[in-house]
Amino acid sequence: MAYILFLIGGLGFGYAAPGFWKLAPLAFPIVLALGAFLRDGIDAGSLLKLIFALVVTVAGIVVGSLLDQRAAARSGPAHA
């Protein structure tokens, strides 16, 4: 379930956030992993879960950014 939330968060930020704010959802799995590492210690399974969460989040950001570019291309140039 967590990975689905990371994907949706990446999609949302990738689509709606401006500039480097699109990368903000990468902080969520990192902060959660740091909490788990402090509580349970670092092991290979935890690191693999963190890497997978980051990959899923980046995939969501990329797809969201592509959707944003596609929507912008369809709407044409902004009129002032």
PDB file of N, CA and C in Angstrom:
ATOM      1  N   MET A   1       0.815  -1.187   0.000  1.00  0.00           N
ATOM      2  CA  MET A   1       0.000   0.000   0.000  1.00  0.00           C
ATOM      3  C   MET A   1       0.867   1.262   0.000  1.00  0.00           C
ATOM      4  N   ALA A   2       1.981   1.208   0.725  1.00  0.00           N
ATOM      5  CA  ALA A   2       2.854   2.383   0.797  1.00  0.00           C
ATOM      6  C   ALA A   2       3.389   2.756  -0.577  1.00  0.00           C
ATOM      7  N   TYR A   3       3.740   1.754  -1.380  1.00  0.00           N
ATOM      8  CA  TYR A   3       4.294   2.034  -2.703  1.00  0.00           C
ATOM      9  C   TYR A   3       3.263   2.699  -3.606  1.00  0.00           C
ATOM     10  N   ILE A   4       2.009   2.334  -3.462  1.00  0.00           N
ATOM     11  CA  ILE A   4       0.945   2.977  -4.235  1.00  0.00           C
ATOM     12  C   ILE A   4       0.831   4.438  -3.832  1.00  0.00           C
ATOM     13  N   LEU A   5       0.953   4.716  -2.554  1.00  0.00           N
ATOM     14  CA  LEU A   5       0.901   6.104  -2.084  1.00  0.00           C
ATOM     15  C   LEU A   5       2.093   6.902  -2.594  1.00  0.00           C
ATOM     16  N   PHE A   6       3.276   6.283  -2.622  1.00  0.00           N
ATOM     17  CA  PHE A   6       4.446   6.970  -3.168  1.00  0.00           C
ATOM     18  C   PHE A   6       4.254   7.265  -4.653  1.00  0.00           C
ATOM     19  N   LEU A   7       3.676   6.324  -5.375  1.00  0.00           N
ATOM     20  CA  LEU A   7       3.411   6.524  -6.801  1.00  0.00           C
ATOM     21  C   LEU A   7       2.415   7.659  -7.007  1.00  0.00           C
ATOM     22  N   ILE A   8       1.346   7.661  -6.246  1.00  0.00           N
ATOM     23  CA  ILE A   8       0.329   8.707  -6.374  1.00  0.00           C
ATOM     24  C   ILE A   8       0.903  10.068  -5.970  1.00  0.00           C
ATOM     25  N   GLY A   9       1.702  10.087  -4.918  1.00  0.00           N
ATOM     26  CA  GLY A   9       2.352  11.338  -4.515  1.00  0.00           C
ATOM     27  C   GLY A   9       3.275  11.859  -5.607  1.00  0.00           C
ATOM     28  N   GLY A  10       4.049  10.963  -6.209  1.00  0.00           N
ATOM     29  CA  GLY A  10       4.919  11.362  -7.310  1.00  0.00           C
ATOM     30  C   GLY A  10       4.134  11.878  -8.494  1.00  0.00           C
ATOM     31  N   LEU A  11       3.035  11.194  -8.831  1.00  0.00           N
ATOM     32  CA  LEU A  11       2.181  11.656  -9.933  1.00  0.00           C
ATOM     33  C   LEU A  11       1.642  13.061  -9.666  1.00  0.00           C
ATOM     34  N   GLY A  12       1.133  13.253  -8.466  1.00  0.00           N
ATOM     35  CA  GLY A  12       0.543  14.548  -8.118  1.00  0.00           C
ATOM     36  C   GLY A  12       1.555  15.678  -8.163  1.00  0.00           C
ATOM     37  N   PHE A  13       2.710  15.461  -7.552  1.00  0.00           N
ATOM     38  CA  PHE A  13       3.731  16.504  -7.564  1.00  0.00           C
ATOM     39  C   PHE A  13       4.316  16.682  -8.956  1.00  0.00           C
ATOM     40  N   GLY A  14       4.529  15.585  -9.676  1.00  0.00           N
ATOM     41  CA  GLY A  14       5.057  15.681 -11.026  1.00  0.00           C
ATOM     42  C   GLY A  14       4.139  16.455 -11.947  1.00  0.00           C
ATOM     43  N   TYR A  15       2.845  16.318 -11.737  1.00  0.00           N
ATOM     44  CA  TYR A  15       1.866  16.997 -12.581  1.00  0.00           C
ATOM     45  C   TYR A  15       1.661  18.457 -12.170  1.00  0.00           C
ATOM     46  N   ALA A  16       1.591  18.713 -10.877  1.00  0.00           N
ATOM     47  CA  ALA A  16       1.131  20.022 -10.430  1.00  0.00           C
ATOM     48  C   ALA A  16       2.217  20.954  -9.893  1.00  0.00           C
ATOM     49  N   ALA A  17       3.319  20.424  -9.409  1.00  0.00           N
ATOM     50  CA  ALA A  17       4.320  21.273  -8.757  1.00  0.00           C
ATOM     51  C   ALA A  17       5.228  21.934  -9.797  1.00  0.00           C
ATOM     52  N   PRO A  18       5.639  23.167  -9.524  1.00  0.00           N
ATOM     53  CA  PRO A  18       6.548  23.851 -10.448  1.00  0.00           C
ATOM     54  C   PRO A  18       8.013  23.500 -10.157  1.00  0.00           C
ATOM     55  N   GLY A  19       8.824  23.459 -11.178  1.00  0.00           N
ATOM     56  CA  GLY A  19      10.271  23.337 -11.048  1.00  0.00           C
ATOM     57  C   GLY A  19      10.755  22.183 -10.188  1.00  0.00           C
ATOM     58  N   PHE A  20      11.698  22.514  -9.306  1.00  0.00           N
ATOM     59  CA  PHE A  20      12.300  21.483  -8.460  1.00  0.00           C
ATOM     60  C   PHE A  20      11.373  20.984  -7.358  1.00  0.00           C
ATOM     61  N   TRP A  21      10.236  21.647  -7.154  1.00  0.00           N
ATOM     62  CA  TRP A  21       9.262  21.150  -6.177  1.00  0.00           C
ATOM     63  C   TRP A  21       8.701  19.801  -6.594  1.00  0.00           C
ATOM     64  N   LYS A  22       8.860  19.465  -7.868  1.00  0.00           N
ATOM     65  CA  LYS A  22       8.410  18.151  -8.345  1.00  0.00           C
ATOM     66  C   LYS A  22       9.141  17.028  -7.626  1.00  0.00           C
ATOM     67  N   LEU A  23      10.342  17.299  -7.126  1.00  0.00           N
ATOM     68  CA  LEU A  23      11.159  16.291  -6.446  1.00  0.00           C
ATOM     69  C   LEU A  23      10.839  16.171  -4.955  1.00  0.00           C
ATOM     70  N   ALA A  24       9.954  16.999  -4.441  1.00  0.00           N
ATOM     71  CA  ALA A  24       9.629  16.996  -3.009  1.00  0.00           C
ATOM     72  C   ALA A  24       9.152  15.638  -2.486  1.00  0.00           C
ATOM     73  N   PRO A  25       8.372  14.862  -3.246  1.00  0.00           N
ATOM     74  CA  PRO A  25       7.907  13.593  -2.684  1.00  0.00           C
ATOM     75  C   PRO A  25       9.028  12.582  -2.429  1.00  0.00           C
ATOM     76  N   LEU A  26      10.227  12.835  -2.931  1.00  0.00           N
ATOM     77  CA  LEU A  26      11.341  11.941  -2.623  1.00  0.00           C
ATOM     78  C   LEU A  26      11.710  11.999  -1.141  1.00  0.00           C
ATOM     79  N   ALA A  27      11.340  13.089  -0.494  1.00  0.00           N
ATOM     80  CA  ALA A  27      11.638  13.218   0.935  1.00  0.00           C
ATOM     81  C   ALA A  27      10.800  12.258   1.780  1.00  0.00           C
ATOM     82  N   PHE A  28       9.597  11.928   1.327  1.00  0.00           N
ATOM     83  CA  PHE A  28       8.715  11.091   2.130  1.00  0.00           C
ATOM     84  C   PHE A  28       9.297   9.704   2.408  1.00  0.00           C
ATOM     85  N   PRO A  29       9.698   8.937   1.383  1.00  0.00           N
ATOM     86  CA  PRO A  29      10.258   7.619   1.703  1.00  0.00           C
ATOM     87  C   PRO A  29      11.589   7.707   2.455  1.00  0.00           C
ATOM     88  N   ILE A  30      12.356   8.763   2.201  1.00  0.00           N
ATOM     89  CA  ILE A  30      13.636   8.905   2.899  1.00  0.00           C
ATOM     90  C   ILE A  30      13.409   9.152   4.381  1.00  0.00           C
ATOM     91  N   VAL A  31      12.488  10.037   4.712  1.00  0.00           N
ATOM     92  CA  VAL A  31      12.204  10.334   6.122  1.00  0.00           C
ATOM     93  C   VAL A  31      11.633   9.106   6.827  1.00  0.00           C
ATOM     94  N   LEU A  32      10.725   8.417   6.158  1.00  0.00           N
ATOM     95  CA  LEU A  32      10.163   7.202   6.757  1.00  0.00           C
ATOM     96  C   LEU A  32      11.231   6.130   6.957  1.00  0.00           C
ATOM     97  N   ALA A  33      12.134   5.994   5.994  1.00  0.00           N
ATOM     98  CA  ALA A  33      13.207   5.006   6.119  1.00  0.00           C
ATOM     99  C   ALA A  33      14.162   5.381   7.240  1.00  0.00           C
ATOM    100  N   LEU A  34      14.468   6.661   7.383  1.00  0.00           N
ATOM    101  CA  LEU A  34      15.351   7.085   8.476  1.00  0.00           C
ATOM    102  C   LEU A  34      14.747   6.731   9.834  1.00  0.00           C
ATOM    103  N   GLY A  35      13.445   6.937   9.967  1.00  0.00           N
ATOM    104  CA  GLY A  35      12.772   6.551  11.209  1.00  0.00           C
ATOM    105  C   GLY A  35      12.868   5.060  11.465  1.00  0.00           C
ATOM    106  N   ALA A  36      12.668   4.262  10.420  1.00  0.00           N
ATOM    107  CA  ALA A  36      12.777   2.806  10.559  1.00  0.00           C
ATOM    108  C   ALA A  36      14.207   2.390  10.860  1.00  0.00           C
ATOM    109  N   PHE A  37      15.179   3.054  10.228  1.00  0.00           N
ATOM    110  CA  PHE A  37      16.578   2.717  10.481  1.00  0.00           C
ATOM    111  C   PHE A  37      16.965   3.025  11.917  1.00  0.00           C
ATOM    112  N   LEU A  38      16.470   4.127  12.453  1.00  0.00           N
ATOM    113  CA  LEU A  38      16.780   4.478  13.843  1.00  0.00           C
ATOM    114  C   LEU A  38      16.129   3.503  14.823  1.00  0.00           C
ATOM    115  N   ARG A  39      14.936   3.053  14.483  1.00  0.00           N
ATOM    116  CA  ARG A  39      14.212   2.152  15.372  1.00  0.00           C
ATOM    117  C   ARG A  39      14.721   0.713  15.281  1.00  0.00           C
ATOM    118  N   ASP A  40      14.893   0.214  14.052  1.00  0.00           N
ATOM    119  CA  ASP A  40      15.190  -1.201  13.845  1.00  0.00           C
ATOM    120  C   ASP A  40      16.612  -1.490  13.393  1.00  0.00           C
ATOM    121  N   GLY A  41      17.354  -0.479  13.038  1.00  0.00           N
ATOM    122  CA  GLY A  41      18.684  -0.685  12.484  1.00  0.00           C
ATOM    123  C   GLY A  41      18.612  -0.832  10.973  1.00  0.00           C
ATOM    124  N   ILE A  42      19.777  -0.750  10.361  1.00  0.00           N
ATOM    125  CA  ILE A  42      19.852  -0.828   8.902  1.00  0.00           C
ATOM    126  C   ILE A  42      20.169  -2.265   8.508  1.00  0.00           C
ATOM    127  N   ASP A  43      19.377  -2.795   7.581  1.00  0.00           N
ATOM    128  CA  ASP A  43      19.662  -4.116   7.027  1.00  0.00           C
ATOM    129  C   ASP A  43      19.385  -4.087   5.530  1.00  0.00           C
ATOM    130  N   ALA A  44      19.777  -5.140   4.849  1.00  0.00           N
ATOM    131  CA  ALA A  44      19.651  -5.185   3.391  1.00  0.00           C
ATOM    132  C   ALA A  44      18.199  -5.070   2.940  1.00  0.00           C
ATOM    133  N   GLY A  45      17.287  -5.707   3.650  1.00  0.00           N
ATOM    134  CA  GLY A  45      15.872  -5.652   3.285  1.00  0.00           C
ATOM    135  C   GLY A  45      15.324  -4.242   3.354  1.00  0.00           C
ATOM    136  N   SER A  46      15.698  -3.526   4.388  1.00  0.00           N
ATOM    137  CA  SER A  46      15.233  -2.147   4.541  1.00  0.00           C
ATOM    138  C   SER A  46      15.792  -1.254   3.442  1.00  0.00           C
ATOM    139  N   LEU A  47      17.060  -1.453   3.099  1.00  0.00           N
ATOM    140  CA  LEU A  47      17.657  -0.654   2.038  1.00  0.00           C
ATOM    141  C   LEU A  47      17.004  -0.950   0.689  1.00  0.00           C
ATOM    142  N   LEU A  48      16.700  -2.207   0.425  1.00  0.00           N
ATOM    143  CA  LEU A  48      16.022  -2.560  -0.826  1.00  0.00           C
ATOM    144  C   LEU A  48      14.632  -1.939  -0.891  1.00  0.00           C
ATOM    145  N   LYS A  49      13.925  -1.938   0.230  1.00  0.00           N
ATOM    146  CA  LYS A  49      12.603  -1.310   0.265  1.00  0.00           C
ATOM    147  C   LYS A  49      12.706   0.187   0.010  1.00  0.00           C
ATOM    148  N   LEU A  50      13.731   0.831   0.575  1.00  0.00           N
ATOM    149  CA  LEU A  50      13.932   2.263   0.348  1.00  0.00           C
ATOM    150  C   LEU A  50      14.231   2.527  -1.124  1.00  0.00           C
ATOM    151  N   ILE A  51      15.114   1.741  -1.702  1.00  0.00           N
ATOM    152  CA  ILE A  51      15.453   1.931  -3.112  1.00  0.00           C
ATOM    153  C   ILE A  51      14.221   1.730  -3.990  1.00  0.00           C
ATOM    154  N   PHE A  52      13.435   0.699  -3.713  1.00  0.00           N
ATOM    155  CA  PHE A  52      12.220   0.459  -4.489  1.00  0.00           C
ATOM    156  C   PHE A  52      11.235   1.615  -4.323  1.00  0.00           C
ATOM    157  N   ALA A  53      11.088   2.121  -3.111  1.00  0.00           N
ATOM    158  CA  ALA A  53      10.185   3.255  -2.873  1.00  0.00           C
ATOM    159  C   ALA A  53      10.642   4.483  -3.646  1.00  0.00           C
ATOM    160  N   LEU A  54      11.951   4.725  -3.694  1.00  0.00           N
ATOM    161  CA  LEU A  54      12.467   5.868  -4.445  1.00  0.00           C
ATOM    162  C   LEU A  54      12.249   5.691  -5.948  1.00  0.00           C
ATOM    163  N   VAL A  55      12.439   4.476  -6.441  1.00  0.00           N
ATOM    164  CA  VAL A  55      12.220   4.209  -7.872  1.00  0.00           C
ATOM    165  C   VAL A  55      10.752   4.415  -8.230  1.00  0.00           C
ATOM    166  N   VAL A  56       9.857   3.926  -7.389  1.00  0.00           N
ATOM    167  CA  VAL A  56       8.417   4.083  -7.643  1.00  0.00           C
ATOM    168  C   VAL A  56       8.036   5.562  -7.603  1.00  0.00           C
ATOM    169  N   THR A  57       8.595   6.303  -6.655  1.00  0.00           N
ATOM    170  CA  THR A  57       8.293   7.723  -6.541  1.00  0.00           C
ATOM    171  C   THR A  57       8.812   8.485  -7.753  1.00  0.00           C
ATOM    172  N   VAL A  58      10.034   8.179  -8.182  1.00  0.00           N
ATOM    173  CA  VAL A  58      10.593   8.841  -9.370  1.00  0.00           C
ATOM    174  C   VAL A  58       9.763   8.502 -10.605  1.00  0.00           C
ATOM    175  N   ALA A  59       9.320   7.259 -10.722  1.00  0.00           N
ATOM    176  CA  ALA A  59       8.467   6.880 -11.854  1.00  0.00           C
ATOM    177  C   ALA A  59       7.183   7.707 -11.844  1.00  0.00           C
ATOM    178  N   GLY A  60       6.587   7.900 -10.674  1.00  0.00           N
ATOM    179  CA  GLY A  60       5.391   8.731 -10.578  1.00  0.00           C
ATOM    180  C   GLY A  60       5.661  10.167 -10.971  1.00  0.00           C
ATOM    181  N   ILE A  61       6.804  10.711 -10.548  1.00  0.00           N
ATOM    182  CA  ILE A  61       7.160  12.086 -10.903  1.00  0.00           C
ATOM    183  C   ILE A  61       7.324  12.216 -12.414  1.00  0.00           C
ATOM    184  N   VAL A  62       7.997  11.252 -13.025  1.00  0.00           N
ATOM    185  CA  VAL A  62       8.229  11.298 -14.469  1.00  0.00           C
ATOM    186  C   VAL A  62       6.905  11.219 -15.222  1.00  0.00           C
ATOM    187  N   VAL A  63       6.043  10.300 -14.841  1.00  0.00           N
ATOM    188  CA  VAL A  63       4.744  10.175 -15.517  1.00  0.00           C
ATOM    189  C   VAL A  63       3.909  11.433 -15.309  1.00  0.00           C
ATOM    190  N   GLY A  64       3.902  11.971 -14.092  1.00  0.00           N
ATOM    191  CA  GLY A  64       3.170  13.207 -13.832  1.00  0.00           C
ATOM    192  C   GLY A  64       3.695  14.371 -14.646  1.00  0.00           C
ATOM    193  N   SER A  65       5.019  14.471 -14.780  1.00  0.00           N
ATOM    194  CA  SER A  65       5.615  15.537 -15.585  1.00  0.00           C
ATOM    195  C   SER A  65       5.244  15.381 -17.060  1.00  0.00           C
ATOM    196  N   LEU A  66       5.256  14.147 -17.538  1.00  0.00           N
ATOM    197  CA  LEU A  66       4.864  13.909 -18.933  1.00  0.00           C
ATOM    198  C   LEU A  66       3.405  14.280 -19.171  1.00  0.00           C
ATOM    199  N   LEU A  67       2.541  13.940 -18.216  1.00  0.00           N
ATOM    200  CA  LEU A  67       1.127  14.317 -18.335  1.00  0.00           C
ATOM    201  C   LEU A  67       0.964  15.832 -18.329  1.00  0.00           C
ATOM    202  N   ASP A  68       1.754  16.520 -17.508  1.00  0.00           N
ATOM    203  CA  ASP A  68       1.703  17.976 -17.447  1.00  0.00           C
ATOM    204  C   ASP A  68       2.137  18.585 -18.776  1.00  0.00           C
ATOM    205  N   GLN A  69       3.218  18.064 -19.359  1.00  0.00           N
ATOM    206  CA  GLN A  69       3.690  18.571 -20.648  1.00  0.00           C
ATOM    207  C   GLN A  69       2.666  18.305 -21.743  1.00  0.00           C
ATOM    208  N   ARG A  70       2.047  17.148 -21.694  1.00  0.00           N
ATOM    209  CA  ARG A  70       1.039  16.801 -22.702  1.00  0.00           C
ATOM    210  C   ARG A  70      -0.179  17.720 -22.583  1.00  0.00           C
ATOM    211  N   ALA A  71      -0.610  17.985 -21.358  1.00  0.00           N
ATOM    212  CA  ALA A  71      -1.742  18.884 -21.148  1.00  0.00           C
ATOM    213  C   ALA A  71      -1.408  20.306 -21.596  1.00  0.00           C
ATOM    214  N   ALA A  72      -0.178  20.743 -21.333  1.00  0.00           N
ATOM    215  CA  ALA A  72       0.234  22.077 -21.745  1.00  0.00           C
ATOM    216  C   ALA A  72       0.293  22.188 -23.264  1.00  0.00           C
ATOM    217  N   ALA A  73       0.736  21.128 -23.920  1.00  0.00           N
ATOM    218  CA  ALA A  73       0.820  21.141 -25.383  1.00  0.00           C
ATOM    219  C   ALA A  73      -0.559  21.180 -26.009  1.00  0.00           C
ATOM    220  N   ARG A  74      -1.525  20.501 -25.407  1.00  0.00           N
ATOM    221  CA  ARG A  74      -2.891  20.495 -25.939  1.00  0.00           C
ATOM    222  C   ARG A  74      -3.590  21.827 -25.766  1.00  0.00           C
ATOM    223  N   SER A  75      -3.299  22.516 -24.653  1.00  0.00           N
ATOM    224  CA  SER A  75      -3.986  23.775 -24.403  1.00  0.00           C
ATOM    225  C   SER A  75      -3.385  24.920 -25.205  1.00  0.00           C
ATOM    226  N   GLY A  76      -2.195  24.739 -25.744  1.00  0.00           N
ATOM    227  CA  GLY A  76      -1.569  25.771 -26.557  1.00  0.00           C
ATOM    228  C   GLY A  76      -0.936  26.829 -25.678  1.00  0.00           C
ATOM    229  N   PRO A  77      -0.417  27.876 -26.297  1.00  0.00           N
ATOM    230  CA  PRO A  77       0.235  28.941 -25.519  1.00  0.00           C
ATOM    231  C   PRO A  77      -0.781  29.695 -24.659  1.00  0.00           C
ATOM    232  N   ALA A  78      -0.301  30.151 -23.523  1.00  0.00           N
ATOM    233  CA  ALA A  78      -1.180  30.895 -22.607  1.00  0.00           C
ATOM    234  C   ALA A  78      -1.466  32.282 -23.185  1.00  0.00           C
ATOM    235  N   HIS A  79      -2.686  32.705 -23.026  1.00  0.00           N
ATOM    236  CA  HIS A  79      -3.093  34.029 -23.512  1.00  0.00           C
ATOM    237  C   HIS A  79      -3.121  34.968 -22.332  1.00  0.00           C
ATOM    238  N   ALA A  80      -2.512  36.150 -22.518  1.00  0.00           N
ATOM    239  CA  ALA A  80      -2.470  37.135 -21.428  1.00  0.00           C
ATOM    240  C   ALA A  80      -3.566  38.148 -21.551  1.00  0.00           C
TER     241      ALA A  80
END
